[in-house]
Amino acid sequence: MSIQSGALAIDRERYEVLVAGELVRLTYQEFNALWFIAAREGRVATYDELTRELWGNVDERARRRLAVLMSRLRVKLGPTGAAHLDTVTRVGYRLTEPPTSRSSTTHRPGATSPLTRSKTVPRSRGLTRWSWSTPPRG
């Protein structure tokens, strides 16, 4: 059985994880955590569910181990793979599709920024005041 999410592919039978076609080597626990999260199909895998699945108990030490394991997992998956792992604060983790297009609010190089310097405070005094204004048209 395998699960595909964008550039992330997880093969349970081979215990393999591919990110953008490249094999990523994971420990047994890292693979099992990723598989458990991915198998939930977008639903949140809670901290308690994950620690119970991986270590059989739920306590503060197990939660800390889980945080360290997820941190190592994100490093190994790299920015492309880690973009699929979403942390739901104080709840758990879920596998998501990362956004494929830029948001319309993202600043594009070469575009005029709506944040401009105000001329009311002289720069020679080392002071700068920022104000929101509409860039000049034309």
N, C-alpha and C. Protein backbone atom coordinates (compact mmCIF):
# COMPACT_ATOMS: atom_id res chain seq x y z
N MET A 1 0.84 -1.18 0.00
CA MET A 1 0.00 0.00 0.00
C MET A 1 0.89 1.24 0.00
N SER A 2 0.49 2.26 -0.72
CA SER A 2 1.27 3.50 -0.76
C SER A 2 0.33 4.70 -0.72
N ILE A 3 0.90 5.82 -0.28
CA ILE A 3 0.16 7.08 -0.19
C ILE A 3 0.99 8.13 -0.91
N GLN A 4 0.32 8.92 -1.75
CA GLN A 4 0.96 9.99 -2.51
C GLN A 4 0.32 11.32 -2.11
N SER A 5 1.14 12.30 -1.83
CA SER A 5 0.66 13.65 -1.52
C SER A 5 1.61 14.64 -2.16
N GLY A 6 1.26 15.11 -3.33
CA GLY A 6 2.14 16.04 -4.05
C GLY A 6 3.47 15.39 -4.35
N ALA A 7 4.57 15.98 -3.89
CA ALA A 7 5.92 15.48 -4.14
C ALA A 7 6.31 14.38 -3.16
N LEU A 8 5.46 14.08 -2.19
CA LEU A 8 5.76 13.09 -1.15
C LEU A 8 5.06 11.77 -1.46
N ALA A 9 5.84 10.68 -1.53
CA ALA A 9 5.29 9.34 -1.77
C ALA A 9 5.78 8.41 -0.67
N ILE A 10 4.85 7.69 -0.04
CA ILE A 10 5.17 6.79 1.06
C ILE A 10 4.72 5.39 0.68
N ASP A 11 5.65 4.43 0.65
CA ASP A 11 5.35 3.04 0.28
C ASP A 11 5.50 2.17 1.52
N ARG A 12 4.39 1.68 2.04
CA ARG A 12 4.38 0.89 3.28
C ARG A 12 5.05 -0.47 3.11
N GLU A 13 4.85 -1.11 1.97
CA GLU A 13 5.41 -2.45 1.76
C GLU A 13 6.93 -2.43 1.66
N ARG A 14 7.49 -1.39 1.08
CA ARG A 14 8.94 -1.29 0.91
C ARG A 14 9.60 -0.46 2.00
N TYR A 15 8.79 0.16 2.87
CA TYR A 15 9.30 1.09 3.88
C TYR A 15 10.19 2.14 3.22
N GLU A 16 9.66 2.77 2.16
CA GLU A 16 10.38 3.80 1.43
C GLU A 16 9.57 5.09 1.39
N VAL A 17 10.30 6.19 1.46
CA VAL A 17 9.71 7.51 1.31
C VAL A 17 10.48 8.24 0.22
N LEU A 18 9.73 8.75 -0.75
CA LEU A 18 10.33 9.52 -1.84
C LEU A 18 9.82 10.95 -1.76
N VAL A 19 10.74 11.90 -1.89
CA VAL A 19 10.39 13.31 -1.96
C VAL A 19 10.92 13.81 -3.30
N ALA A 20 10.00 14.20 -4.17
CA ALA A 20 10.35 14.67 -5.53
C ALA A 20 11.20 13.62 -6.24
N GLY A 21 10.86 12.34 -6.05
CA GLY A 21 11.55 11.26 -6.72
C GLY A 21 12.83 10.79 -6.06
N GLU A 22 13.28 11.48 -5.02
CA GLU A 22 14.51 11.13 -4.31
C GLU A 22 14.18 10.31 -3.06
N LEU A 23 14.91 9.20 -2.87
CA LEU A 23 14.72 8.36 -1.70
C LEU A 23 15.22 9.06 -0.44
N VAL A 24 14.41 9.03 0.61
CA VAL A 24 14.78 9.63 1.90
C VAL A 24 14.89 8.49 2.90
N ARG A 25 16.01 8.39 3.56
CA ARG A 25 16.22 7.34 4.56
C ARG A 25 15.68 7.79 5.91
N LEU A 26 14.75 6.99 6.44
CA LEU A 26 14.14 7.29 7.74
C LEU A 26 14.36 6.12 8.68
N THR A 27 14.36 6.41 9.98
CA THR A 27 14.39 5.34 10.97
C THR A 27 13.02 4.66 11.00
N TYR A 28 12.95 3.53 11.65
CA TYR A 28 11.70 2.78 11.77
C TYR A 28 10.62 3.65 12.42
N GLN A 29 10.96 4.35 13.52
CA GLN A 29 9.99 5.19 14.22
C GLN A 29 9.56 6.38 13.38
N GLU A 30 10.50 7.00 12.67
CA GLU A 30 10.16 8.14 11.82
C GLU A 30 9.19 7.71 10.71
N PHE A 31 9.49 6.55 10.10
CA PHE A 31 8.61 6.05 9.05
C PHE A 31 7.22 5.76 9.60
N ASN A 32 7.15 5.09 10.74
CA ASN A 32 5.85 4.74 11.32
C ASN A 32 5.05 5.99 11.70
N ALA A 33 5.72 7.01 12.22
CA ALA A 33 5.02 8.25 12.55
C ALA A 33 4.46 8.90 11.28
N LEU A 34 5.28 8.97 10.23
CA LEU A 34 4.83 9.57 8.98
C LEU A 34 3.68 8.77 8.38
N TRP A 35 3.78 7.44 8.41
CA TRP A 35 2.72 6.60 7.87
C TRP A 35 1.42 6.80 8.66
N PHE A 36 1.51 6.83 9.98
CA PHE A 36 0.32 6.99 10.82
C PHE A 36 -0.37 8.32 10.50
N ILE A 37 0.41 9.38 10.34
CA ILE A 37 -0.16 10.69 10.02
C ILE A 37 -0.78 10.67 8.63
N ALA A 38 -0.08 10.10 7.66
CA ALA A 38 -0.56 10.06 6.27
C ALA A 38 -1.82 9.21 6.12
N ALA A 39 -1.91 8.12 6.86
CA ALA A 39 -3.05 7.22 6.76
C ALA A 39 -4.34 7.85 7.27
N ARG A 40 -4.24 8.93 8.01
CA ARG A 40 -5.43 9.60 8.55
C ARG A 40 -6.12 10.48 7.50
N GLU A 41 -5.55 10.57 6.30
CA GLU A 41 -6.16 11.24 5.15
C GLU A 41 -6.60 12.67 5.45
N GLY A 42 -5.68 13.49 5.94
CA GLY A 42 -5.98 14.89 6.19
C GLY A 42 -6.55 15.19 7.56
N ARG A 43 -6.98 14.16 8.28
CA ARG A 43 -7.45 14.38 9.65
C ARG A 43 -6.24 14.51 10.57
N VAL A 44 -6.42 15.14 11.69
CA VAL A 44 -5.32 15.36 12.64
C VAL A 44 -5.03 14.09 13.41
N ALA A 45 -3.74 13.73 13.47
CA ALA A 45 -3.28 12.65 14.34
C ALA A 45 -2.84 13.34 15.63
N THR A 46 -3.55 13.11 16.72
CA THR A 46 -3.26 13.81 17.96
C THR A 46 -1.95 13.33 18.57
N TYR A 47 -1.38 14.16 19.44
CA TYR A 47 -0.15 13.79 20.13
C TYR A 47 -0.34 12.48 20.88
N ASP A 48 -1.47 12.33 21.57
CA ASP A 48 -1.72 11.12 22.35
C ASP A 48 -1.83 9.89 21.45
N GLU A 49 -2.52 10.00 20.32
CA GLU A 49 -2.63 8.87 19.39
C GLU A 49 -1.26 8.45 18.87
N LEU A 50 -0.46 9.44 18.51
CA LEU A 50 0.87 9.14 17.97
C LEU A 50 1.79 8.50 19.01
N THR A 51 1.82 9.05 20.22
CA THR A 51 2.70 8.48 21.24
C THR A 51 2.23 7.08 21.64
N ARG A 52 0.93 6.87 21.69
CA ARG A 52 0.42 5.54 21.99
C ARG A 52 0.79 4.55 20.88
N GLU A 53 0.69 4.99 19.63
CA GLU A 53 1.02 4.14 18.49
C GLU A 53 2.52 3.80 18.45
N LEU A 54 3.35 4.79 18.73
CA LEU A 54 4.80 4.59 18.60
C LEU A 54 5.44 3.95 19.82
N TRP A 55 5.02 4.34 21.03
CA TRP A 55 5.68 3.86 22.24
C TRP A 55 4.75 3.16 23.23
N GLY A 56 3.47 3.16 22.96
CA GLY A 56 2.53 2.44 23.81
C GLY A 56 2.11 3.17 25.08
N ASN A 57 2.64 4.35 25.32
CA ASN A 57 2.25 5.10 26.52
C ASN A 57 2.11 6.57 26.19
N VAL A 58 1.40 7.26 27.05
CA VAL A 58 1.21 8.70 26.88
C VAL A 58 1.67 9.37 28.17
N ASP A 59 2.80 10.04 28.09
CA ASP A 59 3.27 10.85 29.21
C ASP A 59 4.09 12.01 28.65
N GLU A 60 4.54 12.87 29.51
CA GLU A 60 5.25 14.07 29.06
C GLU A 60 6.55 13.72 28.34
N ARG A 61 7.25 12.69 28.80
CA ARG A 61 8.50 12.29 28.14
C ARG A 61 8.22 11.78 26.73
N ALA A 62 7.13 11.05 26.55
CA ALA A 62 6.79 10.54 25.22
C ALA A 62 6.43 11.69 24.29
N ARG A 63 5.76 12.69 24.81
CA ARG A 63 5.43 13.86 23.98
C ARG A 63 6.69 14.60 23.55
N ARG A 64 7.66 14.71 24.44
CA ARG A 64 8.92 15.37 24.10
C ARG A 64 9.67 14.56 23.05
N ARG A 65 9.68 13.23 23.22
CA ARG A 65 10.31 12.36 22.21
C ARG A 65 9.65 12.54 20.86
N LEU A 66 8.32 12.68 20.86
CA LEU A 66 7.58 12.88 19.62
C LEU A 66 7.98 14.20 18.96
N ALA A 67 8.12 15.25 19.74
CA ALA A 67 8.52 16.55 19.20
C ALA A 67 9.89 16.47 18.55
N VAL A 68 10.82 15.77 19.19
CA VAL A 68 12.17 15.60 18.64
C VAL A 68 12.12 14.75 17.38
N LEU A 69 11.34 13.67 17.41
CA LEU A 69 11.20 12.80 16.24
C LEU A 69 10.63 13.58 15.05
N MET A 70 9.62 14.40 15.28
CA MET A 70 9.02 15.17 14.18
C MET A 70 9.99 16.22 13.66
N SER A 71 10.79 16.79 14.52
CA SER A 71 11.80 17.75 14.09
C SER A 71 12.83 17.08 13.19
N ARG A 72 13.31 15.91 13.60
CA ARG A 72 14.27 15.16 12.76
C ARG A 72 13.64 14.75 11.44
N LEU A 73 12.38 14.35 11.49
CA LEU A 73 11.66 13.95 10.28
C LEU A 73 11.57 15.11 9.29
N ARG A 74 11.23 16.28 9.78
CA ARG A 74 11.14 17.46 8.90
C ARG A 74 12.49 17.79 8.26
N VAL A 75 13.56 17.67 9.02
CA VAL A 75 14.90 17.93 8.48
C VAL A 75 15.21 16.94 7.37
N LYS A 76 14.93 15.67 7.60
CA LYS A 76 15.21 14.64 6.60
C LYS A 76 14.36 14.80 5.34
N LEU A 77 13.11 15.23 5.50
CA LEU A 77 12.24 15.40 4.34
C LEU A 77 12.60 16.64 3.53
N GLY A 78 13.32 17.57 4.14
CA GLY A 78 13.71 18.80 3.45
C GLY A 78 12.51 19.72 3.29
N PRO A 79 12.73 20.90 2.72
CA PRO A 79 11.64 21.88 2.62
C PRO A 79 10.47 21.39 1.77
N THR A 80 10.74 20.63 0.72
CA THR A 80 9.65 20.14 -0.14
C THR A 80 8.78 19.15 0.60
N GLY A 81 9.38 18.17 1.26
CA GLY A 81 8.61 17.16 1.98
C GLY A 81 8.00 17.68 3.26
N ALA A 82 8.76 18.52 3.99
CA ALA A 82 8.26 19.04 5.26
C ALA A 82 7.06 19.96 5.07
N ALA A 83 6.92 20.54 3.88
CA ALA A 83 5.77 21.41 3.61
C ALA A 83 4.45 20.64 3.70
N HIS A 84 4.51 19.32 3.60
CA HIS A 84 3.31 18.49 3.69
C HIS A 84 2.89 18.22 5.13
N LEU A 85 3.81 18.38 6.08
CA LEU A 85 3.50 18.12 7.49
C LEU A 85 3.03 19.41 8.15
N ASP A 86 1.81 19.40 8.58
CA ASP A 86 1.20 20.57 9.20
C ASP A 86 1.06 20.31 10.70
N THR A 87 1.55 21.24 11.52
CA THR A 87 1.38 21.14 12.97
C THR A 87 0.11 21.87 13.37
N VAL A 88 -0.76 21.18 14.06
CA VAL A 88 -1.96 21.80 14.62
C VAL A 88 -1.63 22.03 16.10
N THR A 89 -1.38 23.29 16.44
CA THR A 89 -0.88 23.66 17.76
C THR A 89 -1.74 23.08 18.88
N ARG A 90 -1.07 22.44 19.82
CA ARG A 90 -1.66 21.82 21.01
C ARG A 90 -2.59 20.65 20.70
N VAL A 91 -2.57 20.16 19.45
CA VAL A 91 -3.43 19.03 19.09
C VAL A 91 -2.61 17.89 18.51
N GLY A 92 -1.91 18.15 17.38
CA GLY A 92 -1.16 17.08 16.74
C GLY A 92 -0.64 17.49 15.37
N TYR A 93 -0.61 16.52 14.46
CA TYR A 93 -0.06 16.74 13.12
C TYR A 93 -1.02 16.19 12.08
N ARG A 94 -0.92 16.73 10.85
CA ARG A 94 -1.69 16.18 9.74
C ARG A 94 -0.89 16.36 8.46
N LEU A 95 -1.20 15.53 7.48
CA LEU A 95 -0.57 15.62 6.17
C LEU A 95 -1.46 16.47 5.28
N THR A 96 -0.87 17.47 4.63
CA THR A 96 -1.63 18.38 3.79
C THR A 96 -0.95 18.54 2.44
N GLU A 97 -1.69 19.09 1.51
CA GLU A 97 -1.13 19.47 0.22
C GLU A 97 -0.60 20.89 0.37
N PRO A 98 0.67 21.12 0.10
CA PRO A 98 1.16 22.50 0.19
C PRO A 98 0.57 23.35 -0.92
N PRO A 99 0.46 24.65 -0.70
CA PRO A 99 -0.10 25.51 -1.75
C PRO A 99 0.78 25.47 -2.99
N THR A 100 0.14 25.42 -4.16
CA THR A 100 0.89 25.33 -5.41
C THR A 100 1.09 26.67 -6.07
N SER A 101 0.23 27.64 -5.78
CA SER A 101 0.38 28.95 -6.40
C SER A 101 0.65 30.00 -5.34
N ARG A 102 1.22 31.09 -5.75
CA ARG A 102 1.49 32.19 -4.84
C ARG A 102 0.20 32.90 -4.46
N SER A 103 0.16 33.34 -3.26
CA SER A 103 -0.98 34.13 -2.80
C SER A 103 -0.95 35.48 -3.50
N SER A 104 -2.12 36.06 -3.70
CA SER A 104 -2.18 37.36 -4.35
C SER A 104 -1.59 38.46 -3.46
N THR A 105 -1.43 38.19 -2.15
CA THR A 105 -0.86 39.19 -1.26
C THR A 105 0.66 39.10 -1.18
N THR A 106 1.25 38.09 -1.81
CA THR A 106 2.69 37.93 -1.79
C THR A 106 3.34 39.01 -2.64
N HIS A 107 4.39 39.61 -2.11
CA HIS A 107 5.10 40.65 -2.86
C HIS A 107 5.95 40.01 -3.93
N ARG A 108 5.80 40.48 -5.15
CA ARG A 108 6.58 39.98 -6.27
C ARG A 108 7.74 40.91 -6.54
N PRO A 109 8.93 40.35 -6.85
CA PRO A 109 10.07 41.22 -7.16
C PRO A 109 9.72 42.16 -8.31
N GLY A 110 10.12 43.40 -8.19
CA GLY A 110 9.86 44.38 -9.23
C GLY A 110 8.54 45.12 -9.05
N ALA A 111 7.65 44.59 -8.20
CA ALA A 111 6.37 45.25 -7.97
C ALA A 111 6.58 46.37 -6.97
N THR A 112 5.78 47.40 -7.06
CA THR A 112 5.88 48.52 -6.14
C THR A 112 5.21 48.15 -4.83
N SER A 113 5.91 48.34 -3.74
CA SER A 113 5.38 48.01 -2.42
C SER A 113 4.47 49.12 -1.93
N PRO A 114 3.35 48.78 -1.26
CA PRO A 114 2.48 49.81 -0.70
C PRO A 114 3.09 50.47 0.53
N LEU A 115 4.19 49.91 1.07
CA LEU A 115 4.85 50.49 2.23
C LEU A 115 5.94 51.43 1.74
N THR A 116 5.78 52.72 1.96
CA THR A 116 6.74 53.70 1.46
C THR A 116 7.19 54.60 2.59
N ARG A 117 8.35 55.22 2.41
CA ARG A 117 8.87 56.14 3.42
C ARG A 117 8.09 57.45 3.39
N SER A 118 7.81 57.95 4.56
CA SER A 118 7.17 59.26 4.67
C SER A 118 8.24 60.33 4.68
N LYS A 119 7.96 61.46 4.11
CA LYS A 119 8.94 62.54 4.03
C LYS A 119 8.86 63.48 5.23
N THR A 120 8.04 63.16 6.23
CA THR A 120 7.82 64.09 7.33
C THR A 120 8.99 64.14 8.30
N VAL A 121 9.83 63.12 8.36
CA VAL A 121 10.95 63.12 9.29
C VAL A 121 12.24 63.08 8.47
N PRO A 122 13.15 64.01 8.67
CA PRO A 122 14.38 64.02 7.88
C PRO A 122 15.24 62.79 8.16
N ARG A 123 15.81 62.21 7.11
CA ARG A 123 16.67 61.03 7.24
C ARG A 123 18.00 61.39 7.87
N SER A 124 18.43 62.64 7.76
CA SER A 124 19.74 63.04 8.28
C SER A 124 19.83 62.88 9.79
N ARG A 125 18.71 62.91 10.46
CA ARG A 125 18.71 62.74 11.91
C ARG A 125 18.69 61.28 12.30
N GLY A 126 18.70 60.38 11.32
CA GLY A 126 18.71 58.95 11.61
C GLY A 126 17.34 58.40 11.95
N LEU A 127 16.32 59.18 11.77
CA LEU A 127 14.97 58.72 12.07
C LEU A 127 14.24 58.39 10.79
N THR A 128 13.44 57.38 10.83
CA THR A 128 12.62 57.01 9.68
C THR A 128 11.22 56.74 10.16
N ARG A 129 10.24 57.26 9.47
CA ARG A 129 8.85 56.98 9.79
C ARG A 129 8.25 56.24 8.61
N TRP A 130 7.54 55.18 8.90
CA TRP A 130 6.90 54.39 7.85
C TRP A 130 5.41 54.68 7.88
N SER A 131 4.82 54.74 6.72
CA SER A 131 3.37 54.93 6.65
C SER A 131 2.83 54.11 5.49
N TRP A 132 1.59 53.72 5.59
CA TRP A 132 0.93 53.00 4.50
C TRP A 132 0.37 54.04 3.54
N SER A 133 0.75 53.93 2.32
CA SER A 133 0.20 54.84 1.33
C SER A 133 0.09 54.11 0.00
N THR A 134 -0.70 54.63 -0.85
CA THR A 134 -0.85 54.06 -2.19
C THR A 134 0.27 54.58 -3.06
N PRO A 135 0.99 53.69 -3.76
CA PRO A 135 2.07 54.16 -4.62
C PRO A 135 1.51 55.04 -5.74
N PRO A 136 2.30 56.00 -6.22
CA PRO A 136 1.83 56.87 -7.28
C PRO A 136 1.54 56.08 -8.55
N ARG A 137 0.49 56.46 -9.24
CA ARG A 137 0.11 55.77 -10.47
C ARG A 137 0.77 56.45 -11.65
N GLY A 138 1.03 55.65 -12.65
CA GLY A 138 1.47 56.28 -13.87
C GLY A 138 2.85 56.05 -14.16
